[in-house]
Protein backbone atom coordinates (compact mmCIF):
# COMPACT_ATOMS: atom_id res chain seq x y z
CA MET A 1 0.00 0.00 0.00
CA LEU A 2 2.52 2.67 1.08
CA ASP A 3 5.39 3.25 -1.28
CA HIS A 4 7.27 6.02 0.55
CA VAL A 5 6.92 8.97 2.95
CA ALA A 6 8.70 12.33 2.82
CA ILE A 7 9.05 14.99 5.48
CA GLN A 8 10.44 18.51 5.49
CA VAL A 9 13.30 19.25 7.87
CA ALA A 10 15.28 22.34 8.82
CA ASP A 11 18.69 20.77 8.03
CA VAL A 12 18.56 17.81 5.63
CA ASP A 13 22.18 16.75 6.12
CA ALA A 14 21.93 16.87 9.93
CA SER A 15 18.60 15.01 9.86
CA ALA A 16 20.05 12.34 7.59
CA ARG A 17 22.94 11.82 10.01
CA PHE A 18 20.46 11.57 12.90
CA TYR A 19 18.20 9.00 11.20
CA LEU A 20 21.19 6.96 10.02
CA ALA A 21 22.60 6.84 13.55
CA ALA A 22 19.33 6.34 15.42
CA PHE A 23 17.98 3.64 13.12
CA ALA A 24 21.19 1.87 12.13
CA GLY A 25 20.03 -1.17 14.08
CA LEU A 26 17.08 -1.46 11.67
CA GLY A 27 19.43 -1.50 8.69
CA VAL A 28 18.51 2.03 7.60
CA HIS A 29 21.05 3.42 5.14
CA GLU A 30 21.32 6.22 2.60
CA VAL A 31 20.09 5.12 -0.82
CA MET A 32 20.27 8.35 -2.76
CA ARG A 33 20.96 12.05 -2.43
CA PHE A 34 20.45 14.85 -4.94
CA PRO A 35 20.15 18.62 -5.06
CA ILE A 36 16.93 20.49 -5.89
CA ASP A 37 16.32 24.23 -6.20
CA GLN A 38 15.48 24.55 -2.48
CA GLY A 39 18.43 22.47 -1.24
CA LEU A 40 19.21 18.81 -0.74
CA VAL A 41 16.99 15.71 -0.77
CA VAL A 42 18.07 12.42 0.84
CA GLY A 43 16.33 9.06 0.45
CA LEU A 44 16.83 6.45 3.17
CA GLY A 45 16.02 2.77 2.84
CA GLY A 46 16.36 -0.65 4.36
CA ALA A 47 17.46 -4.06 3.21
CA ASP A 48 15.56 -3.88 -0.10
CA GLY A 49 17.64 -0.84 -1.13
CA PHE A 50 14.54 1.16 -2.04
CA PRO A 51 14.33 4.78 -0.75
CA ARG A 52 11.14 4.68 1.36
CA PHE A 53 11.80 7.56 3.77
CA TRP A 54 12.72 10.92 2.28
CA LEU A 55 14.13 14.04 3.90
CA GLY A 56 13.70 17.34 2.08
CA PRO A 57 14.33 21.00 2.81
CA LEU A 58 11.88 23.05 4.83
CA VAL A 59 9.99 24.94 2.12
CA ASP A 60 7.54 26.83 4.34
CA ALA A 61 8.20 27.18 8.07
CA GLY A 62 4.49 27.88 8.59
CA GLN A 63 3.34 24.57 7.13
CA ARG A 64 5.32 21.35 7.00
CA GLU A 65 3.42 19.31 4.50
CA VAL A 66 3.73 15.55 4.62
CA HIS A 67 4.30 13.60 1.43
CA VAL A 68 2.79 10.12 1.25
CA ALA A 69 3.00 7.92 -1.84
CA PHE A 70 0.73 4.99 -2.54
CA THR A 71 1.89 2.13 -4.78
CA ALA A 72 -0.03 1.76 -8.04
CA ALA A 73 0.05 -1.50 -9.99
CA SER A 74 0.38 0.20 -13.38
CA ARG A 75 0.46 3.52 -15.21
CA ASP A 76 -3.20 3.03 -16.01
CA VAL A 77 -3.95 2.97 -12.29
CA VAL A 78 -1.95 6.19 -11.80
CA ASP A 79 -3.97 7.77 -14.63
CA ARG A 80 -7.22 6.59 -13.01
CA VAL A 81 -6.19 8.14 -9.67
CA HIS A 82 -5.57 11.39 -11.54
CA ALA A 83 -8.99 11.28 -13.24
CA ASP A 84 -10.76 10.39 -9.98
CA ALA A 85 -8.95 13.18 -8.10
CA VAL A 86 -9.90 15.73 -10.77
CA ALA A 87 -13.52 14.53 -10.58
CA ALA A 88 -13.40 14.94 -6.80
CA GLY A 89 -12.19 18.54 -7.21
CA ALA A 90 -8.65 17.98 -5.94
CA GLU A 91 -5.79 20.33 -6.73
CA ILE A 92 -3.37 18.52 -9.03
CA LEU A 93 0.20 19.43 -8.12
CA HIS A 94 1.77 17.43 -10.97
CA ALA A 95 -0.22 15.59 -13.63
CA PRO A 96 0.83 12.00 -14.37
CA ARG A 97 4.20 11.73 -16.05
CA GLU A 98 7.48 9.88 -15.89
CA TRP A 99 10.00 11.30 -13.45
CA PRO A 100 13.40 10.15 -14.82
CA GLU A 101 15.29 12.12 -12.17
CA TYR A 102 14.02 9.53 -9.65
CA HIS A 103 14.64 6.50 -11.90
CA PRO A 104 13.60 5.21 -15.35
CA GLY A 105 10.01 4.00 -15.29
CA TYR A 106 8.98 6.12 -12.25
CA TYR A 107 5.48 7.30 -13.20
CA GLY A 108 3.42 9.31 -10.75
CA VAL A 109 0.70 11.87 -10.10
CA PHE A 110 0.91 14.34 -7.19
CA ILE A 111 -2.28 15.62 -5.56
CA ARG A 112 -2.98 18.11 -2.74
CA ASP A 113 -5.22 16.57 -0.08
CA LEU A 114 -7.85 18.47 1.93
CA ASP A 115 -5.29 19.38 4.62
CA GLY A 116 -2.60 20.60 2.24
CA ASN A 117 -0.49 17.43 2.13
CA ASN A 118 1.19 16.18 -1.04
CA VAL A 119 -0.27 12.75 -1.85
CA GLU A 120 1.04 10.64 -4.72
CA ALA A 121 0.17 7.50 -6.65
CA VAL A 122 3.26 5.92 -8.23
CA CYS A 123 4.15 3.00 -10.46
CA HIS A 124 7.78 1.85 -10.77
CA GLY A 125 7.59 -0.08 -14.00
CA ASP A 126 5.63 -0.36 -17.21
CA ALA A 127 8.05 2.06 -18.95
CA ARG A 128 6.74 3.32 -22.25
CA PRO A 129 8.79 4.72 -25.12
């Protein structure tokens, strides 16, 4: 059901060091790290090597939105989530598309929920030319 979760933090590098130290016993390790316009993003993962817990820069000190991603079985399911969200009147943050900066085949839609959180449906395969 859940694919990954992302939180905003004041100091991404310091938070990454904290999570790596505090949860080392669970096998948590850094999977990826990359810069964005607002700063640094770090993805942490476990034994499967998949980044399931993300740390990103604090974009708005007044509101720390949570990012939750749900696993979709296919791109068609991602597209259906998009259509259903539009029909429900949701704000679409990013329409469905491939996000190659994450990895080839990453296809997702990003939606704003009723409380301002960034909710995503994502498929990790079914790459199309």
